[in-house]
Amino acid sequence: MRPEWNIPNCLTYFRLTMVPLFVAAFSLRWYTTALVLFFLAGFTDLVDGAIARWLNQRSDLGAVLDPVADKLLMWAAFYCLATVRILPWWLFWLMVVKDAVVVGGIAYLKWRAIPFAYEPILWSKWATLAQIVTGTFGLIDFTFPGHAFWRYPVADFVSGGIYITGCLILITALEYSRKGLEIIQQRQGTA
């Protein structure tokens, strides 16, 4: 099996194909289908990294494709949920700005030929988990209004998830910025 066709990468390809299908289902008002697609895609995001480590199937392609698939899925879901007022627009834009800051920082380091090892930070993993959970609860709340878990309305989980997710996204952006500035300062100190 070629490295680009290993199990984790196949899960990432699956997640990439789920993004346009999710958007199409949501646009066609097939909300239950959209919920199932998002849940399946989110689940693959949670397990592909663990499988890559467990089976020792890490690849350069996977290191690039996994975050791209993750970002596209979250952007699509949060955009759709913002259009129907389940999630606030500020949360969608906070996520987009954070991703732009991270990509911009990586592009700057590459442009300046500053060597660095890109490793996702723990805060980023927690932020992604919060986005998946908030997106799932948001889709459940929109698809099945008034539904409750453990006697608590799903809308309460969405409300709490919005602020937890927002805080984690902000912390992640600040931590990546700090890490990037540290790399630049180390380079200037050795130059």
Protein backbone atom coordinates (compact mmCIF):
# COMPACT_ATOMS: atom_id res chain seq x y z
CA MET A 1 0.00 0.00 0.00
CA ARG A 2 1.44 3.36 -1.00
CA PRO A 3 1.83 5.82 1.91
CA GLU A 4 -0.81 8.19 0.55
CA TRP A 5 -3.37 5.34 0.61
CA ASN A 6 -2.90 4.33 4.23
CA ILE A 7 -5.89 4.06 6.61
CA PRO A 8 -5.56 7.52 8.23
CA ASN A 9 -5.28 9.23 4.84
CA CYS A 10 -8.29 7.29 3.52
CA LEU A 11 -10.27 8.56 6.51
CA THR A 12 -9.12 12.09 5.65
CA TYR A 13 -10.16 11.62 1.98
CA PHE A 14 -13.54 10.42 3.27
CA ARG A 15 -13.84 13.56 5.42
CA LEU A 16 -12.96 15.76 2.45
CA THR A 17 -15.72 14.16 0.37
CA MET A 18 -18.20 14.65 3.23
CA VAL A 19 -17.78 18.46 3.16
CA PRO A 20 -19.57 19.14 -0.17
CA LEU A 21 -22.10 16.40 0.61
CA PHE A 22 -22.82 18.01 3.99
CA VAL A 23 -23.26 21.46 2.40
CA ALA A 24 -25.52 20.01 -0.30
CA ALA A 25 -27.66 18.14 2.24
CA PHE A 26 -27.97 21.22 4.44
CA SER A 27 -28.80 23.44 1.45
CA LEU A 28 -31.46 20.98 0.29
CA ARG A 29 -32.89 20.99 3.84
CA TRP A 30 -32.05 17.35 4.40
CA TYR A 31 -31.02 18.23 7.91
CA THR A 32 -30.96 14.70 9.33
CA THR A 33 -28.67 13.63 6.49
CA ALA A 34 -26.47 16.69 7.09
CA LEU A 35 -26.28 15.80 10.80
CA VAL A 36 -25.25 12.20 10.06
CA LEU A 37 -22.63 13.32 7.50
CA PHE A 38 -21.17 15.87 9.92
CA PHE A 39 -21.09 13.34 12.75
CA LEU A 40 -19.34 10.72 10.60
CA ALA A 41 -16.84 13.25 9.27
CA GLY A 42 -16.18 14.61 12.77
CA PHE A 43 -15.65 11.09 14.07
CA THR A 44 -13.03 10.40 11.39
CA ASP A 45 -11.23 13.57 12.49
CA LEU A 46 -11.10 12.28 16.05
CA VAL A 47 -9.73 8.85 15.13
CA ASP A 48 -7.44 9.29 12.11
CA GLY A 49 -4.54 10.75 14.10
CA ALA A 50 -4.79 8.01 16.72
CA ILE A 51 -4.80 5.35 14.01
CA ALA A 52 -1.80 6.98 12.30
CA ARG A 53 0.17 6.81 15.57
CA TRP A 54 -1.06 3.33 16.51
CA LEU A 55 -0.28 1.79 13.09
CA ASN A 56 2.78 4.00 12.52
CA GLN A 57 1.22 5.31 9.31
CA ARG A 58 2.09 8.99 9.54
CA SER A 59 2.78 10.68 6.23
CA ASP A 60 3.68 14.12 4.91
CA LEU A 61 0.51 14.09 2.81
CA GLY A 62 -1.59 13.30 5.88
CA ALA A 63 0.09 16.09 7.84
CA VAL A 64 -1.14 18.56 5.20
CA LEU A 65 -4.51 17.04 4.24
CA ASP A 66 -5.79 16.36 7.77
CA PRO A 67 -5.87 20.00 8.92
CA VAL A 68 -7.24 21.11 5.53
CA ALA A 69 -10.11 18.62 5.77
CA ASP A 70 -10.70 19.63 9.38
CA LYS A 71 -10.86 23.35 8.56
CA LEU A 72 -13.13 22.87 5.54
CA LEU A 73 -15.55 20.74 7.55
CA MET A 74 -15.70 23.17 10.47
CA TRP A 75 -16.01 26.23 8.22
CA ALA A 76 -18.85 24.60 6.28
CA ALA A 77 -20.75 23.50 9.39
CA PHE A 78 -20.31 26.74 11.33
CA TYR A 79 -21.22 28.81 8.26
CA CYS A 80 -24.40 26.79 7.70
CA LEU A 81 -25.34 26.98 11.38
CA ALA A 82 -24.70 30.73 11.45
CA THR A 83 -26.98 31.27 8.45
CA VAL A 84 -29.87 29.70 10.40
CA ARG A 85 -28.91 31.55 13.62
CA ILE A 86 -28.00 28.48 15.65
CA LEU A 87 -24.40 29.71 16.01
CA PRO A 88 -23.33 33.36 16.09
CA TRP A 89 -21.42 34.87 13.19
CA TRP A 90 -18.66 36.07 15.54
CA LEU A 91 -17.78 32.42 16.30
CA PHE A 92 -17.52 31.57 12.61
CA TRP A 93 -15.32 34.62 11.94
CA LEU A 94 -13.16 33.96 15.03
CA MET A 95 -12.47 30.48 13.66
CA VAL A 96 -11.64 31.83 10.18
CA VAL A 97 -9.34 34.56 11.55
CA LYS A 98 -7.52 32.08 13.80
CA ASP A 99 -6.93 29.77 10.84
CA ALA A 100 -5.75 32.70 8.72
CA VAL A 101 -3.29 33.74 11.46
CA VAL A 102 -1.88 30.20 11.67
CA VAL A 103 -1.58 29.80 7.89
CA GLY A 104 -0.15 33.30 7.56
CA GLY A 105 2.42 32.55 10.24
CA ILE A 106 3.48 29.32 8.54
CA ALA A 107 3.70 31.10 5.17
CA TYR A 108 5.84 33.85 6.72
CA LEU A 109 8.24 31.33 8.29
CA LYS A 110 8.53 29.46 4.98
CA TRP A 111 9.02 32.72 3.03
CA ARG A 112 11.80 33.78 5.40
CA ALA A 113 13.28 30.25 5.20
CA ILE A 114 13.08 29.90 8.97
CA PRO A 115 13.18 26.21 9.86
CA PHE A 116 10.47 24.97 12.18
CA ALA A 117 8.70 21.75 13.02
CA TYR A 118 4.94 22.08 12.67
CA GLU A 119 3.32 20.22 15.51
CA PRO A 120 -0.30 20.84 16.47
CA ILE A 121 -0.54 22.13 20.02
CA LEU A 122 -2.79 20.58 22.67
CA TRP A 123 -5.05 23.65 22.73
CA SER A 124 -5.71 23.14 19.02
CA LYS A 125 -6.85 19.56 19.63
CA TRP A 126 -9.20 20.72 22.39
CA ALA A 127 -10.54 23.51 20.16
CA THR A 128 -11.21 21.01 17.36
CA LEU A 129 -13.02 18.67 19.76
CA ALA A 130 -15.11 21.59 21.04
CA GLN A 131 -15.95 22.59 17.45
CA ILE A 132 -17.07 19.05 16.61
CA VAL A 133 -19.20 18.78 19.76
CA THR A 134 -20.70 22.27 19.34
CA GLY A 135 -21.39 21.65 15.65
CA THR A 136 -23.04 18.31 16.42
CA PHE A 137 -25.23 19.77 19.16
CA GLY A 138 -26.04 22.75 16.92
CA LEU A 139 -27.17 20.43 14.13
CA ILE A 140 -29.20 18.34 16.58
CA ASP A 141 -30.83 21.48 17.98
CA PHE A 142 -31.68 22.74 14.50
CA THR A 143 -32.85 19.36 13.19
CA PHE A 144 -34.83 18.36 16.29
CA PRO A 145 -35.86 21.61 18.05
CA GLY A 146 -36.67 21.19 21.72
CA HIS A 147 -34.82 17.86 21.99
CA ALA A 148 -33.21 17.20 25.37
CA PHE A 149 -30.36 15.08 26.75
CA TRP A 150 -30.45 14.10 30.39
CA ARG A 151 -33.44 16.46 30.81
CA TYR A 152 -31.40 19.42 29.56
CA PRO A 153 -32.42 21.10 26.30
CA VAL A 154 -29.88 20.65 23.52
CA ALA A 155 -29.98 24.43 23.08
CA ASP A 156 -28.31 24.74 26.52
CA PHE A 157 -25.43 22.54 25.35
CA VAL A 158 -25.14 24.70 22.22
CA SER A 159 -25.07 27.92 24.28
CA GLY A 160 -22.34 26.60 26.55
CA GLY A 161 -20.44 25.13 23.60
CA ILE A 162 -20.38 28.47 21.82
CA TYR A 163 -18.43 30.15 24.61
CA ILE A 164 -16.19 27.18 25.39
CA THR A 165 -15.34 26.83 21.69
CA GLY A 166 -14.75 30.56 21.31
CA CYS A 167 -12.38 30.62 24.30
CA LEU A 168 -10.46 27.58 23.03
CA ILE A 169 -10.14 29.06 19.53
CA LEU A 170 -8.84 32.32 21.02
CA ILE A 171 -6.36 30.52 23.30
CA THR A 172 -5.18 28.45 20.33
CA ALA A 173 -4.62 31.57 18.21
CA LEU A 174 -2.66 33.25 21.00
CA GLU A 175 -0.58 30.13 21.66
CA TYR A 176 0.30 29.66 17.98
CA SER A 177 1.19 33.37 17.75
CA ARG A 178 3.42 33.07 20.82
CA LYS A 179 5.08 29.97 19.40
CA GLY A 180 5.66 31.68 16.03
CA LEU A 181 7.19 34.77 17.65
CA GLU A 182 9.42 32.52 19.75
CA ILE A 183 10.68 30.77 16.59
CA ILE A 184 11.39 34.14 14.94
CA GLN A 185 13.22 35.45 18.01
CA GLN A 186 15.34 32.29 18.25
CA ARG A 187 16.29 32.70 14.59
CA GLN A 188 17.22 36.36 15.13
CA GLY A 189 19.27 35.41 18.19
CA THR A 190 21.32 32.92 16.17
CA ALA A 191 21.67 35.13 13.09
